[in-house]
Amino acid sequence: MKILIPTDFSQQVDYAWLITQKLGEQLEMEVHFLHVELSSGITLDEAGNLVSGEDVDLSFYNKLKEMAEDKLQSICAPRSNKISTHIAFGPVKDKIIEFANAGGFDLIVMGTKGAHGLKELFSGTETQQVVRHSKVPVLSLMCNRSELNIKNILLIHEMGKNEPQNLQLMKNIQKAFNAKIHLLKIIESDSKKDAELSKIAEFALLNKIENFEAHILKDSDVEAGIIHFNQMHEMDIVCIGTHGRTGFSKFIKGSVAEKLVNHLFKPIITFHLND
């Protein structure tokens, strides 16, 4: 599995590395750290030299690059000789997604501090932005999960659509850790329970999900239902698809996946849905 860990050298990056190590206990890993220096009009050429299309003094940016290289080296030294490090210049979210796509990564792992209130509504966290736009699945978490024992994986999905989803990453983790998949549907009325259980069974058959258990929970909304279900059943990892809404649609409808990234103290794997 090829994993990308974007780093700003904060404590949250340590959380990302620790859960990557946990996955590496059962899965073959190729780990890459990427640091992005926020800049405009500054890029790196194929030789790793800074270039600019404008009349800009690059000495300041070269100093930033040298400092970042030293920090990346300090990350690698105590960890593993199998880790690769990279530096990019530009908009952080765009460069992370561009690098992940170009490199054929299977997973992006990011720690996050979460976001609340106006920050969540208008800008969100960098992790939230990557979740919204990345076609590569993102594993996010807000705290140290190095003691995690992966035995129960929660998958939240609408279940009613006949479009198969790309769940291979989840299946790989399930197989490696001999875990059970829990398929959860949040409903507003108990009268729909039998029909929704049938939809879950059809979804599992369509997507060839094995060793699973179906759950129906009545709650006020999906986010609240997921939080309450985790309080009752203690899942180890949560998987949820996102439509990647942007602009006015995101402002009005929001995204359950992004809200969970900001609020739920569980490792969360988000992936883009096949509509």
C-alpha atoms as a PDB file:
ATOM      1  CA  MET A   1       0.000   0.000   0.000  1.00  0.00           C
ATOM      2  CA  LYS A   2       1.383   3.387  -1.004  1.00  0.00           C
ATOM      3  CA  ILE A   3       0.709   6.013   1.673  1.00  0.00           C
ATOM      4  CA  LEU A   4       1.180   9.785   1.591  1.00  0.00           C
ATOM      5  CA  ILE A   5       1.525  11.716   4.864  1.00  0.00           C
ATOM      6  CA  PRO A   6       1.408  15.498   4.345  1.00  0.00           C
ATOM      7  CA  THR A   7       3.398  17.196   7.098  1.00  0.00           C
ATOM      8  CA  ASP A   8       3.513  20.667   8.602  1.00  0.00           C
ATOM      9  CA  PHE A   9       5.758  19.271  11.389  1.00  0.00           C
ATOM     10  CA  SER A  10       2.968  19.529  13.995  1.00  0.00           C
ATOM     11  CA  GLN A  11       1.900  16.986  16.607  1.00  0.00           C
ATOM     12  CA  GLN A  12      -0.972  15.941  14.338  1.00  0.00           C
ATOM     13  CA  VAL A  13       1.571  14.492  11.912  1.00  0.00           C
ATOM     14  CA  ASP A  14       2.792  12.210  14.695  1.00  0.00           C
ATOM     15  CA  TYR A  15      -0.767  10.865  14.980  1.00  0.00           C
ATOM     16  CA  ALA A  16      -0.779  10.193  11.234  1.00  0.00           C
ATOM     17  CA  TRP A  17       2.531   8.338  11.441  1.00  0.00           C
ATOM     18  CA  LEU A  18       1.432   6.241  14.429  1.00  0.00           C
ATOM     19  CA  ILE A  19      -1.721   4.957  12.743  1.00  0.00           C
ATOM     20  CA  THR A  20       0.274   4.309   9.569  1.00  0.00           C
ATOM     21  CA  GLN A  21       2.578   2.133  11.680  1.00  0.00           C
ATOM     22  CA  LYS A  22      -0.486   0.322  13.012  1.00  0.00           C
ATOM     23  CA  LEU A  23      -1.646  -0.445   9.464  1.00  0.00           C
ATOM     24  CA  GLY A  24       1.899  -1.490   8.634  1.00  0.00           C
ATOM     25  CA  GLU A  25       1.733  -4.270  11.222  1.00  0.00           C
ATOM     26  CA  GLN A  26      -0.385  -6.279   8.778  1.00  0.00           C
ATOM     27  CA  LEU A  27      -0.005  -4.521   5.414  1.00  0.00           C
ATOM     28  CA  GLU A  28       3.020  -3.891   3.188  1.00  0.00           C
ATOM     29  CA  MET A  29       3.693  -0.161   3.229  1.00  0.00           C
ATOM     30  CA  GLU A  30       5.503   2.395   1.103  1.00  0.00           C
ATOM     31  CA  VAL A  31       5.400   5.676   3.042  1.00  0.00           C
ATOM     32  CA  HIS A  32       6.053   9.156   1.675  1.00  0.00           C
ATOM     33  CA  PHE A  33       6.114  12.417   3.659  1.00  0.00           C
ATOM     34  CA  LEU A  34       5.254  15.612   1.777  1.00  0.00           C
ATOM     35  CA  HIS A  35       5.787  19.143   3.050  1.00  0.00           C
ATOM     36  CA  VAL A  36       4.177  21.993   1.123  1.00  0.00           C
ATOM     37  CA  GLU A  37       5.410  25.551   1.575  1.00  0.00           C
ATOM     38  CA  LEU A  38       2.530  27.930   0.940  1.00  0.00           C
ATOM     39  CA  SER A  39       3.526  30.240  -1.893  1.00  0.00           C
ATOM     40  CA  SER A  40       2.293  31.867  -5.077  1.00  0.00           C
ATOM     41  CA  GLY A  41       4.183  31.658  -8.352  1.00  0.00           C
ATOM     42  CA  ILE A  42       7.039  29.597  -6.880  1.00  0.00           C
ATOM     43  CA  THR A  43       7.678  26.057  -8.132  1.00  0.00           C
ATOM     44  CA  LEU A  44      10.404  23.436  -8.178  1.00  0.00           C
ATOM     45  CA  ASP A  45      11.956  22.215 -11.423  1.00  0.00           C
ATOM     46  CA  GLU A  46      12.848  18.564 -12.090  1.00  0.00           C
ATOM     47  CA  ALA A  47      16.241  19.073 -10.481  1.00  0.00           C
ATOM     48  CA  GLY A  48      14.644  20.394  -7.282  1.00  0.00           C
ATOM     49  CA  ASN A  49      15.643  24.026  -7.862  1.00  0.00           C
ATOM     50  CA  LEU A  50      13.280  26.886  -7.123  1.00  0.00           C
ATOM     51  CA  VAL A  51      11.959  28.806 -10.110  1.00  0.00           C
ATOM     52  CA  SER A  52       9.592  31.741 -10.472  1.00  0.00           C
ATOM     53  CA  GLY A  53       7.857  33.292 -13.439  1.00  0.00           C
ATOM     54  CA  GLU A  54       8.154  36.692 -11.769  1.00  0.00           C
ATOM     55  CA  ASP A  55      11.018  38.893 -10.638  1.00  0.00           C
ATOM     56  CA  VAL A  56      11.215  37.415  -7.149  1.00  0.00           C
ATOM     57  CA  ASP A  57      14.157  37.147  -4.783  1.00  0.00           C
ATOM     58  CA  LEU A  58      14.343  33.391  -4.221  1.00  0.00           C
ATOM     59  CA  SER A  59      16.805  33.566  -1.322  1.00  0.00           C
ATOM     60  CA  PHE A  60      13.990  33.637   1.254  1.00  0.00           C
ATOM     61  CA  TYR A  61      12.272  30.633  -0.323  1.00  0.00           C
ATOM     62  CA  ASN A  62      15.565  28.761  -0.601  1.00  0.00           C
ATOM     63  CA  LYS A  63      16.008  29.275   3.143  1.00  0.00           C
ATOM     64  CA  LEU A  64      12.505  27.869   3.741  1.00  0.00           C
ATOM     65  CA  LYS A  65      13.373  24.905   1.550  1.00  0.00           C
ATOM     66  CA  GLU A  66      16.596  24.211   3.478  1.00  0.00           C
ATOM     67  CA  MET A  67      14.760  24.396   6.812  1.00  0.00           C
ATOM     68  CA  ALA A  68      12.049  22.045   5.545  1.00  0.00           C
ATOM     69  CA  GLU A  69      14.655  19.568   4.270  1.00  0.00           C
ATOM     70  CA  ASP A  70      16.317  19.533   7.698  1.00  0.00           C
ATOM     71  CA  LYS A  71      12.981  18.907   9.425  1.00  0.00           C
ATOM     72  CA  LEU A  72      12.080  16.147   6.981  1.00  0.00           C
ATOM     73  CA  GLN A  73      15.447  14.513   7.643  1.00  0.00           C
ATOM     74  CA  SER A  74      14.765  14.630  11.374  1.00  0.00           C
ATOM     75  CA  ILE A  75      11.405  12.915  10.731  1.00  0.00           C
ATOM     76  CA  CYS A  76      13.024  10.075   8.793  1.00  0.00           C
ATOM     77  CA  ALA A  77      16.047   9.447  10.999  1.00  0.00           C
ATOM     78  CA  PRO A  78      14.308   7.759  13.967  1.00  0.00           C
ATOM     79  CA  ARG A  79      11.673   5.988  11.922  1.00  0.00           C
ATOM     80  CA  SER A  80      12.662   3.919   8.902  1.00  0.00           C
ATOM     81  CA  ASN A  81      15.005   3.871   5.942  1.00  0.00           C
ATOM     82  CA  LYS A  82      11.996   2.956   3.789  1.00  0.00           C
ATOM     83  CA  ILE A  83      10.468   6.445   4.105  1.00  0.00           C
ATOM     84  CA  SER A  84      10.713   8.948   1.249  1.00  0.00           C
ATOM     85  CA  THR A  85      10.411  12.713   1.715  1.00  0.00           C
ATOM     86  CA  HIS A  86       9.312  15.443  -0.683  1.00  0.00           C
ATOM     87  CA  ILE A  87       8.898  19.220  -0.771  1.00  0.00           C
ATOM     88  CA  ALA A  88       6.503  21.258  -2.898  1.00  0.00           C
ATOM     89  CA  PHE A  89       5.670  24.957  -3.204  1.00  0.00           C
ATOM     90  CA  GLY A  90       2.202  26.346  -3.847  1.00  0.00           C
ATOM     91  CA  PRO A  91      -1.342  26.130  -2.446  1.00  0.00           C
ATOM     92  CA  VAL A  92      -1.240  23.414   0.225  1.00  0.00           C
ATOM     93  CA  LYS A  93      -4.443  21.550  -0.578  1.00  0.00           C
ATOM     94  CA  ASP A  94      -3.857  21.657  -4.338  1.00  0.00           C
ATOM     95  CA  LYS A  95      -0.290  20.388  -4.067  1.00  0.00           C
ATOM     96  CA  ILE A  96      -1.235  17.519  -1.755  1.00  0.00           C
ATOM     97  CA  ILE A  97      -3.949  16.339  -4.126  1.00  0.00           C
ATOM     98  CA  GLU A  98      -1.765  16.846  -7.202  1.00  0.00           C
ATOM     99  CA  PHE A  99       1.092  14.864  -5.642  1.00  0.00           C
ATOM    100  CA  ALA A 100      -1.208  12.038  -4.503  1.00  0.00           C
ATOM    101  CA  ASN A 101      -2.783  11.697  -7.931  1.00  0.00           C
ATOM    102  CA  ALA A 102       0.492  11.873  -9.850  1.00  0.00           C
ATOM    103  CA  GLY A 103       2.173   9.359  -7.541  1.00  0.00           C
ATOM    104  CA  GLY A 104      -0.590   6.753  -7.681  1.00  0.00           C
ATOM    105  CA  PHE A 105      -1.094   6.724  -3.918  1.00  0.00           C
ATOM    106  CA  ASP A 106      -3.622   4.393  -2.278  1.00  0.00           C
ATOM    107  CA  LEU A 107      -4.207   6.508   0.820  1.00  0.00           C
ATOM    108  CA  ILE A 108      -3.530   9.961   2.264  1.00  0.00           C
ATOM    109  CA  VAL A 109      -3.127   9.984   6.062  1.00  0.00           C
ATOM    110  CA  MET A 110      -3.618  13.297   7.876  1.00  0.00           C
ATOM    111  CA  GLY A 111      -3.893  14.394  11.480  1.00  0.00           C
ATOM    112  CA  THR A 112      -6.290  17.245  12.184  1.00  0.00           C
ATOM    113  CA  LYS A 113      -7.183  19.597  15.024  1.00  0.00           C
ATOM    114  CA  GLY A 114     -10.790  19.694  13.843  1.00  0.00           C
ATOM    115  CA  ALA A 115     -12.816  22.857  13.284  1.00  0.00           C
ATOM    116  CA  HIS A 116     -15.949  24.375  14.751  1.00  0.00           C
ATOM    117  CA  GLY A 117     -18.278  27.320  14.223  1.00  0.00           C
ATOM    118  CA  LEU A 118     -17.523  29.867  11.525  1.00  0.00           C
ATOM    119  CA  LYS A 119     -14.130  28.383  10.679  1.00  0.00           C
ATOM    120  CA  GLU A 120     -15.757  25.052   9.829  1.00  0.00           C
ATOM    121  CA  LEU A 121     -18.526  26.723   7.831  1.00  0.00           C
ATOM    122  CA  PHE A 122     -16.415  29.033   5.690  1.00  0.00           C
ATOM    123  CA  SER A 123     -12.913  27.597   5.447  1.00  0.00           C
ATOM    124  CA  GLY A 124     -12.593  24.347   7.396  1.00  0.00           C
ATOM    125  CA  THR A 125      -9.319  22.624   8.122  1.00  0.00           C
ATOM    126  CA  GLU A 126      -6.699  21.691   5.545  1.00  0.00           C
ATOM    127  CA  THR A 127      -7.677  18.059   6.103  1.00  0.00           C
ATOM    128  CA  GLN A 128     -11.332  18.903   5.451  1.00  0.00           C
ATOM    129  CA  GLN A 129     -10.349  20.619   2.201  1.00  0.00           C
ATOM    130  CA  VAL A 130      -8.356  17.582   1.055  1.00  0.00           C
ATOM    131  CA  VAL A 131     -11.243  15.258   1.972  1.00  0.00           C
ATOM    132  CA  ARG A 132     -13.598  17.348  -0.148  1.00  0.00           C
ATOM    133  CA  HIS A 133     -11.471  17.400  -3.279  1.00  0.00           C
ATOM    134  CA  SER A 134      -9.224  14.321  -3.246  1.00  0.00           C
ATOM    135  CA  LYS A 135     -10.061  11.292  -5.366  1.00  0.00           C
ATOM    136  CA  VAL A 136      -7.551   9.338  -3.268  1.00  0.00           C
ATOM    137  CA  PRO A 137      -9.096   8.052   0.004  1.00  0.00           C
ATOM    138  CA  VAL A 138      -8.135  10.039   3.111  1.00  0.00           C
ATOM    139  CA  LEU A 139      -7.586   8.632   6.598  1.00  0.00           C
ATOM    140  CA  SER A 140      -7.899  11.394   9.187  1.00  0.00           C
ATOM    141  CA  LEU A 141      -7.686  11.411  12.969  1.00  0.00           C
ATOM    142  CA  MET A 142      -7.514  13.898  15.848  1.00  0.00           C
ATOM    143  CA  CYS A 143      -5.574  11.990  18.498  1.00  0.00           C
ATOM    144  CA  ASN A 144      -3.073   9.203  19.175  1.00  0.00           C
ATOM    145  CA  ARG A 145      -4.485   5.835  18.061  1.00  0.00           C
ATOM    146  CA  SER A 146      -1.278   3.805  18.345  1.00  0.00           C
ATOM    147  CA  GLU A 147      -2.998   1.314  20.704  1.00  0.00           C
ATOM    148  CA  LEU A 148      -5.849   0.738  18.251  1.00  0.00           C
ATOM    149  CA  ASN A 149      -6.936  -2.874  17.798  1.00  0.00           C
ATOM    150  CA  ILE A 150      -8.701  -2.984  14.430  1.00  0.00           C
ATOM    151  CA  LYS A 151     -11.523  -5.484  14.791  1.00  0.00           C
ATOM    152  CA  ASN A 152     -14.658  -3.491  13.925  1.00  0.00           C
ATOM    153  CA  ILE A 153     -14.961  -1.242  10.871  1.00  0.00           C
ATOM    154  CA  LEU A 154     -18.058   0.931  10.472  1.00  0.00           C
ATOM    155  CA  LEU A 155     -19.253   1.755   6.954  1.00  0.00           C
ATOM    156  CA  ILE A 156     -21.926   4.416   6.562  1.00  0.00           C
ATOM    157  CA  HIS A 157     -23.697   4.581   3.229  1.00  0.00           C
ATOM    158  CA  GLU A 158     -27.083   5.429   1.756  1.00  0.00           C
ATOM    159  CA  MET A 159     -27.402   1.760   0.712  1.00  0.00           C
ATOM    160  CA  GLY A 160     -30.295   2.461  -1.656  1.00  0.00           C
ATOM    161  CA  LYS A 161     -28.266   3.117  -4.811  1.00  0.00           C
ATOM    162  CA  ASN A 162     -27.351   0.309  -7.211  1.00  0.00           C
ATOM    163  CA  GLU A 163     -23.988   1.828  -8.159  1.00  0.00           C
ATOM    164  CA  PRO A 164     -21.084  -0.311  -6.842  1.00  0.00           C
ATOM    165  CA  GLN A 165     -18.518   1.613  -4.809  1.00  0.00           C
ATOM    166  CA  ASN A 166     -14.742   1.352  -4.682  1.00  0.00           C
ATOM    167  CA  LEU A 167     -14.346  -0.274  -1.269  1.00  0.00           C
ATOM    168  CA  GLN A 168     -11.104  -2.137  -1.959  1.00  0.00           C
ATOM    169  CA  LEU A 169      -9.105  -0.182   0.628  1.00  0.00           C
ATOM    170  CA  MET A 170     -11.628  -1.048   3.339  1.00  0.00           C
ATOM    171  CA  LYS A 171     -11.654  -4.695   2.257  1.00  0.00           C
ATOM    172  CA  ASN A 172      -7.848  -4.837   2.330  1.00  0.00           C
ATOM    173  CA  ILE A 173      -7.792  -3.517   5.902  1.00  0.00           C
ATOM    174  CA  GLN A 174     -10.589  -5.890   6.883  1.00  0.00           C
ATOM    175  CA  LYS A 175      -8.732  -8.889   5.472  1.00  0.00           C
ATOM    176  CA  ALA A 176      -5.378  -7.914   6.973  1.00  0.00           C
ATOM    177  CA  PHE A 177      -6.778  -7.497  10.493  1.00  0.00           C
ATOM    178  CA  ASN A 178      -9.534 -10.137  10.260  1.00  0.00           C
ATOM    179  CA  ALA A 179     -12.079  -7.447  11.111  1.00  0.00           C
ATOM    180  CA  LYS A 180     -15.851  -7.332  10.845  1.00  0.00           C
ATOM    181  CA  ILE A 181     -17.635  -4.726   8.704  1.00  0.00           C
ATOM    182  CA  HIS A 182     -20.641  -3.017  10.277  1.00  0.00           C
ATOM    183  CA  LEU A 183     -23.039  -1.527   7.728  1.00  0.00           C
ATOM    184  CA  LEU A 184     -25.052   1.300   9.264  1.00  0.00           C
ATOM    185  CA  LYS A 185     -28.098   3.147   7.944  1.00  0.00           C
ATOM    186  CA  ILE A 186     -29.588   6.066   9.898  1.00  0.00           C
ATOM    187  CA  ILE A 187     -33.373   6.388   9.519  1.00  0.00           C
ATOM    188  CA  GLU A 188     -36.020   8.841  10.721  1.00  0.00           C
ATOM    189  CA  SER A 189     -38.847   6.322  11.173  1.00  0.00           C
ATOM    190  CA  ASP A 190     -38.939   2.758  12.495  1.00  0.00           C
ATOM    191  CA  SER A 191     -41.552   1.928   9.856  1.00  0.00           C
ATOM    192  CA  LYS A 192     -38.761   1.825   7.260  1.00  0.00           C
ATOM    193  CA  LYS A 193     -36.590  -0.642   9.164  1.00  0.00           C
ATOM    194  CA  ASP A 194     -37.371  -3.840   7.221  1.00  0.00           C
ATOM    195  CA  ALA A 195     -37.038  -2.117   3.840  1.00  0.00           C
ATOM    196  CA  GLU A 196     -33.703  -0.579   4.826  1.00  0.00           C
ATOM    197  CA  LEU A 197     -32.355  -3.918   6.075  1.00  0.00           C
ATOM    198  CA  SER A 198     -33.150  -5.364   2.641  1.00  0.00           C
ATOM    199  CA  LYS A 199     -31.270  -2.485   0.994  1.00  0.00           C
ATOM    200  CA  ILE A 200     -28.238  -3.152   3.196  1.00  0.00           C
ATOM    201  CA  ALA A 201     -28.239  -6.827   2.183  1.00  0.00           C
ATOM    202  CA  GLU A 202     -28.466  -5.843  -1.495  1.00  0.00           C
ATOM    203  CA  PHE A 203     -25.643  -3.324  -1.069  1.00  0.00           C
ATOM    204  CA  ALA A 204     -23.423  -5.948   0.580  1.00  0.00           C
ATOM    205  CA  LEU A 205     -24.125  -8.424  -2.227  1.00  0.00           C
ATOM    206  CA  LEU A 206     -23.512  -5.827  -4.947  1.00  0.00           C
ATOM    207  CA  ASN A 207     -20.190  -4.793  -3.415  1.00  0.00           C
ATOM    208  CA  LYS A 208     -19.138  -8.336  -2.418  1.00  0.00           C
ATOM    209  CA  ILE A 209     -18.812  -7.474   1.267  1.00  0.00           C
ATOM    210  CA  GLU A 210     -18.207 -10.480   3.494  1.00  0.00           C
ATOM    211  CA  ASN A 211     -18.172 -10.945   7.269  1.00  0.00           C
ATOM    212  CA  PHE A 212     -20.546  -8.055   7.933  1.00  0.00           C
ATOM    213  CA  GLU A 213     -23.336  -7.121  10.292  1.00  0.00           C
ATOM    214  CA  ALA A 214     -26.264  -4.854   9.380  1.00  0.00           C
ATOM    215  CA  HIS A 215     -27.466  -2.084  11.688  1.00  0.00           C
ATOM    216  CA  ILE A 216     -30.413   0.310  11.578  1.00  0.00           C
ATOM    217  CA  LEU A 217     -30.536   3.287  13.937  1.00  0.00           C
ATOM    218  CA  LYS A 218     -33.281   5.865  14.292  1.00  0.00           C
ATOM    219  CA  ASP A 219     -31.895   9.325  14.995  1.00  0.00           C
ATOM    220  CA  SER A 220     -32.444  13.021  14.297  1.00  0.00           C
ATOM    221  CA  ASP A 221     -29.770  13.223  11.595  1.00  0.00           C
ATOM    222  CA  VAL A 222     -26.936  11.172  10.136  1.00  0.00           C
ATOM    223  CA  GLU A 223     -24.072  12.839  12.006  1.00  0.00           C
ATOM    224  CA  ALA A 224     -25.814  12.467  15.384  1.00  0.00           C
ATOM    225  CA  GLY A 225     -26.717   8.867  14.561  1.00  0.00           C
ATOM    226  CA  ILE A 226     -23.115   7.948  13.751  1.00  0.00           C
ATOM    227  CA  ILE A 227     -21.846   9.538  16.974  1.00  0.00           C
ATOM    228  CA  HIS A 228     -24.523   7.759  19.038  1.00  0.00           C
ATOM    229  CA  PHE A 229     -23.841   4.422  17.326  1.00  0.00           C
ATOM    230  CA  ASN A 230     -20.134   4.721  18.145  1.00  0.00           C
ATOM    231  CA  GLN A 231     -20.974   5.462  21.757  1.00  0.00           C
ATOM    232  CA  MET A 232     -23.023   2.264  21.912  1.00  0.00           C
ATOM    233  CA  HIS A 233     -20.804  -0.077  19.889  1.00  0.00           C
ATOM    234  CA  GLU A 234     -17.234   1.319  19.964  1.00  0.00           C
ATOM    235  CA  MET A 235     -16.088   1.016  16.364  1.00  0.00           C
ATOM    236  CA  ASP A 236     -12.357   1.113  15.590  1.00  0.00           C
ATOM    237  CA  ILE A 237     -12.414   2.817  12.168  1.00  0.00           C
ATOM    238  CA  VAL A 238     -15.226   4.686  10.414  1.00  0.00           C
ATOM    239  CA  CYS A 239     -15.547   4.649   6.605  1.00  0.00           C
ATOM    240  CA  ILE A 240     -17.842   7.078   4.814  1.00  0.00           C
ATOM    241  CA  GLY A 241     -18.207   8.336   1.259  1.00  0.00           C
ATOM    242  CA  THR A 242     -18.310  11.983   0.254  1.00  0.00           C
ATOM    243  CA  HIS A 243     -19.788  13.707  -2.780  1.00  0.00           C
ATOM    244  CA  GLY A 244     -17.057  16.369  -2.721  1.00  0.00           C
ATOM    245  CA  ARG A 245     -19.489  19.281  -2.723  1.00  0.00           C
ATOM    246  CA  THR A 246     -18.088  22.736  -3.311  1.00  0.00           C
ATOM    247  CA  GLY A 247     -19.384  26.287  -3.498  1.00  0.00           C
ATOM    248  CA  PHE A 248     -23.019  27.069  -2.735  1.00  0.00           C
ATOM    249  CA  SER A 249     -24.029  23.396  -2.663  1.00  0.00           C
ATOM    250  CA  LYS A 250     -21.505  22.734   0.109  1.00  0.00           C
ATOM    251  CA  PHE A 251     -22.658  25.819   2.022  1.00  0.00           C
ATOM    252  CA  ILE A 252     -26.314  24.739   1.963  1.00  0.00           C
ATOM    253  CA  LYS A 253     -26.065  20.940   2.282  1.00  0.00           C
ATOM    254  CA  GLY A 254     -22.707  20.482   3.929  1.00  0.00           C
ATOM    255  CA  SER A 255     -21.047  17.082   4.080  1.00  0.00           C
ATOM    256  CA  VAL A 256     -21.529  14.494   6.811  1.00  0.00           C
ATOM    257  CA  ALA A 257     -18.051  13.131   6.037  1.00  0.00           C
ATOM    258  CA  GLU A 258     -16.415  16.530   6.538  1.00  0.00           C
ATOM    259  CA  LYS A 259     -18.354  17.171   9.758  1.00  0.00           C
ATOM    260  CA  LEU A 260     -17.186  13.844  11.149  1.00  0.00           C
ATOM    261  CA  VAL A 261     -13.579  14.665  10.230  1.00  0.00           C
ATOM    262  CA  ASN A 262     -13.900  17.797  12.385  1.00  0.00           C
ATOM    263  CA  HIS A 263     -15.898  16.352  15.279  1.00  0.00           C
ATOM    264  CA  LEU A 264     -15.475  12.590  15.703  1.00  0.00           C
ATOM    265  CA  PHE A 265     -12.541  11.283  17.753  1.00  0.00           C
ATOM    266  CA  LYS A 266     -12.169   8.160  15.623  1.00  0.00           C
ATOM    267  CA  PRO A 267      -9.919   7.334  12.667  1.00  0.00           C
ATOM    268  CA  ILE A 268     -12.086   8.133   9.628  1.00  0.00           C
ATOM    269  CA  ILE A 269     -11.530   6.950   6.064  1.00  0.00           C
ATOM    270  CA  THR A 270     -13.318   9.083   3.505  1.00  0.00           C
ATOM    271  CA  PHE A 271     -13.650   8.164  -0.152  1.00  0.00           C
ATOM    272  CA  HIS A 272     -15.397   9.747  -3.119  1.00  0.00           C
ATOM    273  CA  LEU A 273     -18.681   8.135  -4.049  1.00  0.00           C
ATOM    274  CA  ASN A 274     -19.559   6.810  -7.486  1.00  0.00           C
ATOM    275  CA  ASP A 275     -22.724   8.777  -8.278  1.00  0.00           C
END
